Amino acid sequence: MTKIPDDRLFSENHLWVKKDKKKIVKIGITDYFHLKNLEIIDIDLPEEEEEFEKDEIFGSIETVEEVFDLVMPISGKVIAVNEKVLEDTDILNDDPYDEGWLLKVQMNNPSELEELLPPEDYESKYFEELEEVISEKLIEEEE
């Protein structure tokens, strides 16, 4: 089981936010998809200079089973896109917390960070969801 990094904040949509500089953050996905055995096969990300409001959809992740919307955890302007993950989605499956970052965003409102979950709260929620998924799979297998 992967350790949730304690140097960042988390959204309920399984994204992490890590402060890079004063008003700059990196955003990425957690290993939620990996732990649910959902192999990521494609990702759609915005262009640099695009602006998004908090809770606005900024892209999507496609797994073998379904497509998930990526929901912006903070409002701001995209200043960098990790081209490596667009070319090789295996990075997202293997190393979502470091090499697999998605975007660098210049925040419009740094106080929005206070609305995100600290690692221990995300971890609690995260494992509750995974337990539900595991339970559902066990029930399906029994039927």
N, C-alpha and C. Protein backbone atom coordinates (compact mmCIF):
# COMPACT_ATOMS: atom_id res chain seq x y z
N MET A 1 0.86 -1.18 0.00
CA MET A 1 0.00 0.00 0.00
C MET A 1 0.90 1.24 0.00
N THR A 2 0.58 2.19 -0.81
CA THR A 2 1.37 3.40 -0.94
C THR A 2 1.12 4.34 0.22
N LYS A 3 2.16 5.04 0.61
CA LYS A 3 2.03 6.06 1.66
C LYS A 3 1.56 7.35 1.01
N ILE A 4 0.55 7.97 1.61
CA ILE A 4 0.07 9.26 1.12
C ILE A 4 1.11 10.32 1.53
N PRO A 5 1.66 11.07 0.57
CA PRO A 5 2.66 12.08 0.92
C PRO A 5 2.07 13.13 1.87
N ASP A 6 2.87 13.55 2.86
CA ASP A 6 2.36 14.52 3.83
C ASP A 6 2.77 15.95 3.51
N ASP A 7 3.34 16.18 2.31
CA ASP A 7 3.78 17.52 1.94
C ASP A 7 2.84 18.20 0.95
N ARG A 8 1.58 17.71 0.91
CA ARG A 8 0.62 18.31 -0.02
C ARG A 8 -0.80 18.19 0.53
N LEU A 9 -1.72 18.84 -0.17
CA LEU A 9 -3.13 18.80 0.19
C LEU A 9 -3.88 18.02 -0.88
N PHE A 10 -5.12 17.62 -0.56
CA PHE A 10 -5.85 16.74 -1.46
C PHE A 10 -7.29 17.21 -1.67
N SER A 11 -7.80 16.92 -2.87
CA SER A 11 -9.22 17.19 -3.14
C SER A 11 -9.98 15.87 -2.99
N GLU A 12 -11.28 15.98 -2.84
CA GLU A 12 -12.10 14.78 -2.76
C GLU A 12 -12.19 14.07 -4.10
N ASN A 13 -11.69 14.71 -5.15
CA ASN A 13 -11.70 14.13 -6.50
C ASN A 13 -10.38 13.43 -6.82
N HIS A 14 -9.62 13.09 -5.77
CA HIS A 14 -8.38 12.32 -5.90
C HIS A 14 -7.28 13.05 -6.66
N LEU A 15 -7.20 14.35 -6.41
CA LEU A 15 -6.09 15.15 -6.92
C LEU A 15 -5.29 15.67 -5.73
N TRP A 16 -3.99 15.85 -5.95
CA TRP A 16 -3.15 16.46 -4.93
C TRP A 16 -2.68 17.82 -5.40
N VAL A 17 -2.38 18.68 -4.42
CA VAL A 17 -1.89 20.03 -4.69
C VAL A 17 -0.66 20.25 -3.81
N LYS A 18 0.44 20.63 -4.44
CA LYS A 18 1.68 20.86 -3.69
C LYS A 18 2.19 22.25 -4.01
N LYS A 19 2.41 23.05 -2.96
CA LYS A 19 2.95 24.39 -3.17
C LYS A 19 4.35 24.28 -3.74
N ASP A 20 4.60 25.03 -4.80
CA ASP A 20 5.89 25.02 -5.47
C ASP A 20 6.64 26.31 -5.14
N LYS A 21 5.96 27.43 -5.35
CA LYS A 21 6.47 28.75 -5.00
C LYS A 21 5.32 29.51 -4.37
N LYS A 22 5.52 30.77 -4.10
CA LYS A 22 4.51 31.53 -3.35
C LYS A 22 3.08 31.35 -3.87
N LYS A 23 2.84 31.61 -5.14
CA LYS A 23 1.48 31.48 -5.68
C LYS A 23 1.40 30.39 -6.75
N ILE A 24 2.41 29.53 -6.81
CA ILE A 24 2.45 28.47 -7.81
C ILE A 24 2.28 27.11 -7.12
N VAL A 25 1.41 26.27 -7.69
CA VAL A 25 1.23 24.91 -7.16
C VAL A 25 1.37 23.90 -8.30
N LYS A 26 1.78 22.71 -7.92
CA LYS A 26 1.72 21.57 -8.83
C LYS A 26 0.46 20.81 -8.48
N ILE A 27 -0.18 20.25 -9.51
CA ILE A 27 -1.39 19.45 -9.32
C ILE A 27 -1.17 18.10 -9.98
N GLY A 28 -1.61 17.05 -9.32
CA GLY A 28 -1.50 15.71 -9.89
C GLY A 28 -2.60 14.82 -9.36
N ILE A 29 -2.62 13.59 -9.83
CA ILE A 29 -3.60 12.62 -9.34
C ILE A 29 -2.96 11.80 -8.23
N THR A 30 -3.80 11.26 -7.37
CA THR A 30 -3.30 10.35 -6.34
C THR A 30 -3.18 8.96 -6.96
N ASP A 31 -2.75 8.00 -6.18
CA ASP A 31 -2.65 6.63 -6.72
C ASP A 31 -3.97 5.88 -6.56
N TYR A 32 -5.05 6.61 -6.38
CA TYR A 32 -6.39 6.04 -6.25
C TYR A 32 -6.72 5.10 -7.43
N PHE A 33 -6.41 5.55 -8.64
CA PHE A 33 -6.73 4.76 -9.83
C PHE A 33 -5.93 3.46 -9.83
N HIS A 34 -4.67 3.58 -9.47
CA HIS A 34 -3.80 2.41 -9.42
C HIS A 34 -4.30 1.41 -8.38
N LEU A 35 -4.68 1.89 -7.22
CA LEU A 35 -5.14 1.00 -6.16
C LEU A 35 -6.50 0.37 -6.48
N LYS A 36 -7.27 1.01 -7.34
CA LYS A 36 -8.54 0.42 -7.77
C LYS A 36 -8.34 -0.50 -8.98
N ASN A 37 -7.08 -0.73 -9.34
CA ASN A 37 -6.73 -1.55 -10.51
C ASN A 37 -7.32 -0.98 -11.80
N LEU A 38 -7.32 0.34 -11.90
CA LEU A 38 -7.79 1.01 -13.10
C LEU A 38 -6.57 1.53 -13.85
N GLU A 39 -6.18 0.82 -14.88
CA GLU A 39 -5.00 1.23 -15.65
C GLU A 39 -5.36 2.44 -16.50
N ILE A 40 -4.58 3.50 -16.35
CA ILE A 40 -4.81 4.73 -17.12
C ILE A 40 -4.24 4.51 -18.52
N ILE A 41 -5.09 4.74 -19.53
CA ILE A 41 -4.64 4.53 -20.91
C ILE A 41 -4.57 5.82 -21.71
N ASP A 42 -5.21 6.90 -21.21
CA ASP A 42 -5.14 8.18 -21.92
C ASP A 42 -5.46 9.30 -20.94
N ILE A 43 -4.93 10.48 -21.25
CA ILE A 43 -5.21 11.65 -20.42
C ILE A 43 -5.38 12.86 -21.33
N ASP A 44 -6.31 13.72 -20.96
CA ASP A 44 -6.57 14.95 -21.69
C ASP A 44 -6.32 16.11 -20.73
N LEU A 45 -5.39 16.99 -21.08
CA LEU A 45 -5.04 18.13 -20.22
C LEU A 45 -5.19 19.43 -20.99
N PRO A 46 -5.37 20.54 -20.27
CA PRO A 46 -5.53 21.84 -20.95
C PRO A 46 -4.19 22.36 -21.49
N GLU A 47 -4.27 23.45 -22.22
CA GLU A 47 -3.08 24.12 -22.74
C GLU A 47 -2.57 25.11 -21.70
N GLU A 48 -1.30 25.46 -21.82
CA GLU A 48 -0.76 26.53 -20.97
C GLU A 48 -1.53 27.81 -21.25
N GLU A 49 -1.61 28.65 -20.24
CA GLU A 49 -2.30 29.95 -20.28
C GLU A 49 -3.81 29.84 -20.10
N GLU A 50 -4.38 28.63 -20.13
CA GLU A 50 -5.82 28.51 -19.88
C GLU A 50 -6.10 28.80 -18.41
N GLU A 51 -7.26 29.43 -18.16
CA GLU A 51 -7.64 29.74 -16.78
C GLU A 51 -8.87 28.92 -16.40
N PHE A 52 -8.88 28.51 -15.11
CA PHE A 52 -9.98 27.70 -14.60
C PHE A 52 -10.41 28.20 -13.24
N GLU A 53 -11.71 28.04 -12.98
CA GLU A 53 -12.25 28.32 -11.66
C GLU A 53 -12.16 27.04 -10.84
N LYS A 54 -12.14 27.18 -9.54
CA LYS A 54 -12.18 26.02 -8.64
C LYS A 54 -13.43 25.20 -8.98
N ASP A 55 -13.32 23.89 -8.98
CA ASP A 55 -14.40 22.93 -9.26
C ASP A 55 -14.80 22.85 -10.73
N GLU A 56 -14.07 23.52 -11.62
CA GLU A 56 -14.34 23.43 -13.05
C GLU A 56 -13.57 22.23 -13.62
N ILE A 57 -14.16 21.53 -14.58
CA ILE A 57 -13.49 20.40 -15.22
C ILE A 57 -12.38 20.92 -16.12
N PHE A 58 -11.16 20.40 -15.94
CA PHE A 58 -10.03 20.87 -16.74
C PHE A 58 -9.45 19.78 -17.65
N GLY A 59 -9.95 18.58 -17.55
CA GLY A 59 -9.43 17.51 -18.38
C GLY A 59 -10.09 16.20 -18.01
N SER A 60 -9.51 15.10 -18.50
CA SER A 60 -10.07 13.79 -18.17
C SER A 60 -8.98 12.73 -18.20
N ILE A 61 -9.29 11.65 -17.49
CA ILE A 61 -8.42 10.47 -17.48
C ILE A 61 -9.26 9.31 -17.98
N GLU A 62 -8.71 8.58 -18.93
CA GLU A 62 -9.41 7.42 -19.45
C GLU A 62 -8.71 6.16 -18.94
N THR A 63 -9.51 5.29 -18.34
CA THR A 63 -8.99 3.99 -17.92
C THR A 63 -9.60 2.94 -18.84
N VAL A 64 -9.20 1.71 -18.66
CA VAL A 64 -9.74 0.64 -19.47
C VAL A 64 -11.26 0.56 -19.32
N GLU A 65 -11.76 0.88 -18.11
CA GLU A 65 -13.18 0.73 -17.81
C GLU A 65 -14.04 1.97 -18.05
N GLU A 66 -13.50 3.17 -17.75
CA GLU A 66 -14.33 4.37 -17.88
C GLU A 66 -13.48 5.63 -17.96
N VAL A 67 -14.14 6.76 -18.20
CA VAL A 67 -13.48 8.06 -18.28
C VAL A 67 -13.86 8.87 -17.04
N PHE A 68 -12.86 9.48 -16.41
CA PHE A 68 -13.08 10.29 -15.21
C PHE A 68 -12.75 11.75 -15.52
N ASP A 69 -13.62 12.67 -15.10
CA ASP A 69 -13.33 14.10 -15.23
C ASP A 69 -12.29 14.50 -14.20
N LEU A 70 -11.42 15.40 -14.60
CA LEU A 70 -10.46 16.01 -13.67
C LEU A 70 -11.04 17.36 -13.25
N VAL A 71 -11.23 17.56 -11.96
CA VAL A 71 -11.89 18.75 -11.44
C VAL A 71 -10.85 19.63 -10.74
N MET A 72 -10.75 20.87 -11.18
CA MET A 72 -9.73 21.79 -10.67
C MET A 72 -9.92 22.05 -9.17
N PRO A 73 -8.90 21.76 -8.37
CA PRO A 73 -9.02 21.93 -6.92
C PRO A 73 -8.87 23.38 -6.45
N ILE A 74 -8.29 24.23 -7.30
CA ILE A 74 -8.12 25.66 -6.97
C ILE A 74 -8.30 26.46 -8.26
N SER A 75 -8.62 27.74 -8.14
CA SER A 75 -8.75 28.56 -9.35
C SER A 75 -7.39 29.16 -9.71
N GLY A 76 -7.15 29.28 -11.02
CA GLY A 76 -5.89 29.87 -11.44
C GLY A 76 -5.60 29.63 -12.91
N LYS A 77 -4.39 30.04 -13.31
CA LYS A 77 -3.96 29.94 -14.71
C LYS A 77 -2.91 28.85 -14.84
N VAL A 78 -3.08 27.99 -15.83
CA VAL A 78 -2.12 26.92 -16.11
C VAL A 78 -0.85 27.56 -16.67
N ILE A 79 0.28 27.33 -16.00
CA ILE A 79 1.54 27.89 -16.50
C ILE A 79 2.49 26.82 -17.04
N ALA A 80 2.18 25.54 -16.75
CA ALA A 80 2.97 24.45 -17.32
C ALA A 80 2.14 23.18 -17.33
N VAL A 81 2.34 22.38 -18.37
CA VAL A 81 1.68 21.08 -18.51
C VAL A 81 2.79 20.04 -18.61
N ASN A 82 2.65 18.95 -17.88
CA ASN A 82 3.66 17.88 -17.91
C ASN A 82 3.47 17.07 -19.20
N GLU A 83 4.25 17.43 -20.21
CA GLU A 83 4.14 16.76 -21.52
C GLU A 83 4.49 15.28 -21.42
N LYS A 84 5.33 14.91 -20.47
CA LYS A 84 5.74 13.50 -20.34
C LYS A 84 4.54 12.59 -20.11
N VAL A 85 3.57 13.04 -19.27
CA VAL A 85 2.42 12.17 -18.99
C VAL A 85 1.48 12.07 -20.19
N LEU A 86 1.50 13.08 -21.06
CA LEU A 86 0.68 13.02 -22.27
C LEU A 86 1.25 11.98 -23.23
N GLU A 87 2.58 11.86 -23.24
CA GLU A 87 3.25 10.92 -24.13
C GLU A 87 3.30 9.51 -23.55
N ASP A 88 3.35 9.39 -22.21
CA ASP A 88 3.51 8.09 -21.57
C ASP A 88 2.65 8.01 -20.30
N THR A 89 1.44 7.50 -20.45
CA THR A 89 0.52 7.45 -19.30
C THR A 89 0.97 6.45 -18.24
N ASP A 90 1.92 5.59 -18.56
CA ASP A 90 2.43 4.65 -17.55
C ASP A 90 3.02 5.40 -16.36
N ILE A 91 3.51 6.61 -16.59
CA ILE A 91 4.06 7.43 -15.49
C ILE A 91 2.98 7.65 -14.44
N LEU A 92 1.74 7.86 -14.88
CA LEU A 92 0.63 8.09 -13.95
C LEU A 92 0.31 6.84 -13.14
N ASN A 93 0.48 5.69 -13.75
CA ASN A 93 0.24 4.43 -13.05
C ASN A 93 1.38 4.13 -12.08
N ASP A 94 2.61 4.49 -12.45
CA ASP A 94 3.79 4.11 -11.68
C ASP A 94 4.24 5.14 -10.65
N ASP A 95 4.11 6.44 -10.96
CA ASP A 95 4.67 7.48 -10.09
C ASP A 95 3.81 8.75 -10.10
N PRO A 96 2.55 8.64 -9.61
CA PRO A 96 1.65 9.80 -9.71
C PRO A 96 2.05 10.97 -8.81
N TYR A 97 2.85 10.73 -7.79
CA TYR A 97 3.17 11.80 -6.83
C TYR A 97 4.40 12.63 -7.19
N ASP A 98 5.24 12.13 -8.05
CA ASP A 98 6.44 12.90 -8.38
C ASP A 98 6.53 13.17 -9.88
N GLU A 99 7.05 12.21 -10.62
CA GLU A 99 7.22 12.40 -12.06
C GLU A 99 5.89 12.57 -12.78
N GLY A 100 4.81 12.06 -12.17
CA GLY A 100 3.50 12.09 -12.80
C GLY A 100 2.65 13.31 -12.51
N TRP A 101 3.25 14.43 -12.09
CA TRP A 101 2.44 15.63 -11.89
C TRP A 101 1.78 16.02 -13.22
N LEU A 102 0.65 16.72 -13.14
CA LEU A 102 -0.10 17.08 -14.34
C LEU A 102 0.13 18.53 -14.78
N LEU A 103 -0.09 19.46 -13.84
CA LEU A 103 -0.07 20.89 -14.17
C LEU A 103 0.67 21.69 -13.12
N LYS A 104 1.21 22.83 -13.55
CA LYS A 104 1.62 23.88 -12.62
C LYS A 104 0.62 25.01 -12.84
N VAL A 105 0.09 25.51 -11.73
CA VAL A 105 -0.95 26.53 -11.81
C VAL A 105 -0.58 27.73 -10.94
N GLN A 106 -0.75 28.92 -11.51
CA GLN A 106 -0.60 30.15 -10.73
C GLN A 106 -1.95 30.42 -10.11
N MET A 107 -2.01 30.36 -8.77
CA MET A 107 -3.28 30.48 -8.06
C MET A 107 -3.84 31.89 -8.11
N ASN A 108 -5.16 31.99 -8.28
CA ASN A 108 -5.84 33.28 -8.18
C ASN A 108 -6.12 33.63 -6.72
N ASN A 109 -6.39 32.59 -5.93
CA ASN A 109 -6.82 32.81 -4.56
C ASN A 109 -6.18 31.76 -3.64
N PRO A 110 -4.98 32.03 -3.11
CA PRO A 110 -4.30 31.04 -2.27
C PRO A 110 -5.10 30.57 -1.06
N SER A 111 -6.09 31.35 -0.62
CA SER A 111 -6.88 30.92 0.53
C SER A 111 -7.73 29.68 0.21
N GLU A 112 -7.91 29.38 -1.09
CA GLU A 112 -8.65 28.17 -1.48
C GLU A 112 -7.93 26.90 -1.00
N LEU A 113 -6.65 27.00 -0.75
CA LEU A 113 -5.89 25.84 -0.26
C LEU A 113 -6.46 25.35 1.08
N GLU A 114 -7.01 26.28 1.85
CA GLU A 114 -7.57 25.93 3.16
C GLU A 114 -8.79 25.02 3.04
N GLU A 115 -9.41 24.98 1.85
CA GLU A 115 -10.59 24.15 1.64
C GLU A 115 -10.24 22.71 1.27
N LEU A 116 -8.95 22.45 1.01
CA LEU A 116 -8.52 21.10 0.63
C LEU A 116 -8.25 20.25 1.86
N LEU A 117 -8.17 18.95 1.66
CA LEU A 117 -7.99 18.02 2.77
C LEU A 117 -6.51 17.83 3.11
N PRO A 118 -6.19 17.86 4.41
CA PRO A 118 -4.82 17.49 4.80
C PRO A 118 -4.63 15.98 4.56
N PRO A 119 -3.40 15.50 4.49
CA PRO A 119 -3.14 14.10 4.16
C PRO A 119 -3.90 13.10 5.02
N GLU A 120 -3.98 13.32 6.32
CA GLU A 120 -4.63 12.34 7.19
C GLU A 120 -6.13 12.25 6.92
N ASP A 121 -6.78 13.39 6.58
CA ASP A 121 -8.21 13.37 6.27
C ASP A 121 -8.46 12.69 4.93
N TYR A 122 -7.59 12.99 3.96
CA TYR A 122 -7.74 12.35 2.65
C TYR A 122 -7.54 10.84 2.79
N GLU A 123 -6.55 10.46 3.55
CA GLU A 123 -6.25 9.04 3.72
C GLU A 123 -7.45 8.30 4.32
N SER A 124 -8.10 8.90 5.32
CA SER A 124 -9.28 8.28 5.93
C SER A 124 -10.38 8.08 4.90
N LYS A 125 -10.67 9.14 4.14
CA LYS A 125 -11.73 9.08 3.13
C LYS A 125 -11.37 8.07 2.04
N TYR A 126 -10.14 8.13 1.62
CA TYR A 126 -9.60 7.31 0.54
C TYR A 126 -9.73 5.83 0.87
N PHE A 127 -9.35 5.45 2.07
CA PHE A 127 -9.41 4.03 2.43
C PHE A 127 -10.84 3.56 2.64
N GLU A 128 -11.72 4.46 3.07
CA GLU A 128 -13.14 4.11 3.17
C GLU A 128 -13.68 3.74 1.78
N GLU A 129 -13.35 4.57 0.79
CA GLU A 129 -13.81 4.31 -0.58
C GLU A 129 -13.24 3.01 -1.12
N LEU A 130 -11.96 2.77 -0.85
CA LEU A 130 -11.34 1.54 -1.34
C LEU A 130 -11.96 0.31 -0.68
N GLU A 131 -12.26 0.42 0.59
CA GLU A 131 -12.91 -0.69 1.28
C GLU A 131 -14.26 -1.00 0.63
N GLU A 132 -14.99 0.05 0.24
CA GLU A 132 -16.27 -0.14 -0.44
C GLU A 132 -16.07 -0.86 -1.78
N VAL A 133 -15.05 -0.44 -2.53
CA VAL A 133 -14.76 -1.04 -3.83
C VAL A 133 -14.41 -2.52 -3.66
N ILE A 134 -13.57 -2.81 -2.68
CA ILE A 134 -13.17 -4.20 -2.43
C ILE A 134 -14.38 -5.03 -2.02
N SER A 135 -15.23 -4.47 -1.16
CA SER A 135 -16.44 -5.18 -0.74
C SER A 135 -17.34 -5.47 -1.93
N GLU A 136 -17.52 -4.48 -2.81
CA GLU A 136 -18.37 -4.65 -4.00
C GLU A 136 -17.83 -5.78 -4.89
N LYS A 137 -16.50 -5.80 -5.06
CA LYS A 137 -15.89 -6.83 -5.92
C LYS A 137 -16.09 -8.21 -5.31
N LEU A 138 -15.95 -8.30 -3.98
CA LEU A 138 -16.15 -9.59 -3.32
C LEU A 138 -17.58 -10.08 -3.48
N ILE A 139 -18.54 -9.16 -3.35
CA ILE A 139 -19.95 -9.51 -3.51
C ILE A 139 -20.21 -9.99 -4.93
N GLU A 140 -19.64 -9.26 -5.93
CA GLU A 140 -19.81 -9.65 -7.33
C GLU A 140 -19.25 -11.05 -7.58
N GLU A 141 -18.09 -11.34 -6.99
CA GLU A 141 -17.45 -12.64 -7.20
C GLU A 141 -18.27 -13.76 -6.58
N GLU A 142 -18.96 -13.47 -5.47
CA GLU A 142 -19.76 -14.48 -4.80
C GLU A 142 -21.03 -14.81 -5.57
N GLU A 143 -21.54 -13.84 -6.34
CA GLU A 143 -22.82 -14.03 -7.06
C GLU A 143 -22.69 -14.95 -8.24
